Amino acid sequence: MQGLYTAIVLLFLGMGVYYLNTEPVVAVHHFLISLYFFVFLFEIRGKPFSRSVYWLLLLLLVGDAFMQFSIGDMNMISGLVSAMFALSTWQAQRRLS
């Protein structure tokens, strides 16, 4: 499972770098998804970050979801993915308390 999460982090980092010049909004989305999996990779390893990191990630993912929803129809799925990951982050930070 840790290998899969590591591969996902590296894949989304690579995709974020690839889209950085042409589509910066998509690049930010990919970087945030990579950050999400990075945070949860450390949670799986048993060394979770502090709750403030989870709150920051939650705010960034909610902002990304609103941004994706406002851009257009093509980014609706990306907005839903960000919203679902934000919900998962909120549940994880509640679990840590």
Protein backbone atom coordinates (compact mmCIF):
# COMPACT_ATOMS: atom_id res chain seq x y z
CA MET A 1 0.00 0.00 0.00
CA GLN A 2 2.85 2.38 0.80
CA GLY A 3 4.42 1.67 -2.57
CA LEU A 4 1.16 2.49 -4.33
CA TYR A 5 0.80 5.78 -2.43
CA THR A 6 4.42 6.66 -3.22
CA ALA A 7 3.82 5.95 -6.91
CA ILE A 8 0.67 8.11 -6.88
CA VAL A 9 2.56 10.98 -5.21
CA LEU A 10 5.32 10.80 -7.83
CA LEU A 11 2.83 10.47 -10.70
CA PHE A 12 0.84 13.54 -9.66
CA LEU A 13 4.01 15.54 -9.00
CA GLY A 14 5.18 14.69 -12.51
CA MET A 15 1.83 15.62 -14.02
CA GLY A 16 1.84 18.90 -12.08
CA VAL A 17 5.27 19.80 -13.41
CA TYR A 18 4.20 18.81 -16.94
CA TYR A 19 1.13 21.09 -16.91
CA LEU A 20 2.79 23.98 -15.08
CA ASN A 21 3.44 26.14 -18.16
CA THR A 22 0.40 25.31 -20.28
CA GLU A 23 -2.39 24.95 -17.70
CA PRO A 24 -1.44 26.28 -14.25
CA VAL A 25 -4.88 25.59 -12.75
CA VAL A 26 -4.59 21.90 -13.62
CA ALA A 27 -1.02 21.89 -12.28
CA VAL A 28 -2.17 23.28 -8.92
CA HIS A 29 -4.87 20.60 -8.78
CA HIS A 30 -2.31 17.86 -9.42
CA PHE A 31 0.07 19.28 -6.81
CA LEU A 32 -2.72 19.32 -4.20
CA ILE A 33 -3.70 15.73 -4.96
CA SER A 34 -0.04 14.79 -4.61
CA LEU A 35 0.09 16.61 -1.26
CA TYR A 36 -3.04 14.75 -0.13
CA PHE A 37 -1.49 11.37 -0.84
CA PHE A 38 1.82 12.47 0.73
CA VAL A 39 0.08 13.39 3.99
CA PHE A 40 -1.86 10.14 4.06
CA LEU A 41 1.26 8.14 3.21
CA PHE A 42 2.78 9.34 6.48
CA GLU A 43 -0.46 8.57 8.29
CA ILE A 44 -0.30 4.98 7.02
CA ARG A 45 3.32 4.74 8.16
CA GLY A 46 2.18 5.66 11.67
CA LYS A 47 3.77 9.11 11.75
CA PRO A 48 0.87 11.50 11.07
CA PHE A 49 1.39 15.23 10.76
CA SER A 50 -0.10 17.66 13.26
CA ARG A 51 -3.74 18.66 12.99
CA SER A 52 -2.79 22.07 11.60
CA VAL A 53 -1.37 20.40 8.47
CA TYR A 54 -4.67 18.59 7.99
CA TRP A 55 -6.59 21.87 8.40
CA LEU A 56 -4.34 23.57 5.85
CA LEU A 57 -4.79 20.70 3.40
CA LEU A 58 -8.54 20.80 3.98
CA LEU A 59 -8.71 24.54 3.20
CA LEU A 60 -6.54 24.14 0.11
CA LEU A 61 -8.66 21.25 -1.22
CA VAL A 62 -11.93 23.11 -0.60
CA GLY A 63 -10.50 26.16 -2.37
CA ASP A 64 -9.38 23.98 -5.25
CA ALA A 65 -12.83 22.41 -5.47
CA PHE A 66 -14.49 25.84 -5.68
CA MET A 67 -11.92 26.93 -8.25
CA GLN A 68 -12.50 23.82 -10.36
CA PHE A 69 -16.29 24.22 -10.18
CA SER A 70 -16.10 27.86 -11.28
CA ILE A 71 -13.80 27.30 -14.27
CA GLY A 72 -16.14 25.27 -16.45
CA ASP A 73 -17.76 21.98 -17.30
CA MET A 74 -14.54 20.18 -18.16
CA ASN A 75 -13.23 20.55 -14.59
CA MET A 76 -16.37 19.35 -12.81
CA ILE A 77 -14.85 15.92 -12.11
CA SER A 78 -11.68 17.52 -10.74
CA GLY A 79 -13.83 19.62 -8.42
CA LEU A 80 -15.65 16.54 -7.19
CA VAL A 81 -12.35 14.75 -6.59
CA SER A 82 -11.05 17.71 -4.57
CA ALA A 83 -14.28 17.87 -2.57
CA MET A 84 -14.15 14.14 -1.78
CA PHE A 85 -10.51 14.38 -0.71
CA ALA A 86 -11.37 17.41 1.44
CA LEU A 87 -14.07 15.38 3.15
CA SER A 88 -11.61 12.55 3.72
CA THR A 89 -9.07 15.00 5.15
CA TRP A 90 -11.68 16.45 7.51
CA GLN A 91 -12.53 12.95 8.77
CA ALA A 92 -8.83 12.15 9.24
CA GLN A 93 -8.14 15.26 11.31
CA ARG A 94 -11.16 14.46 13.48
CA ARG A 95 -9.80 10.94 13.93
CA LEU A 96 -6.48 12.37 15.16
CA SER A 97 -8.06 14.38 17.97
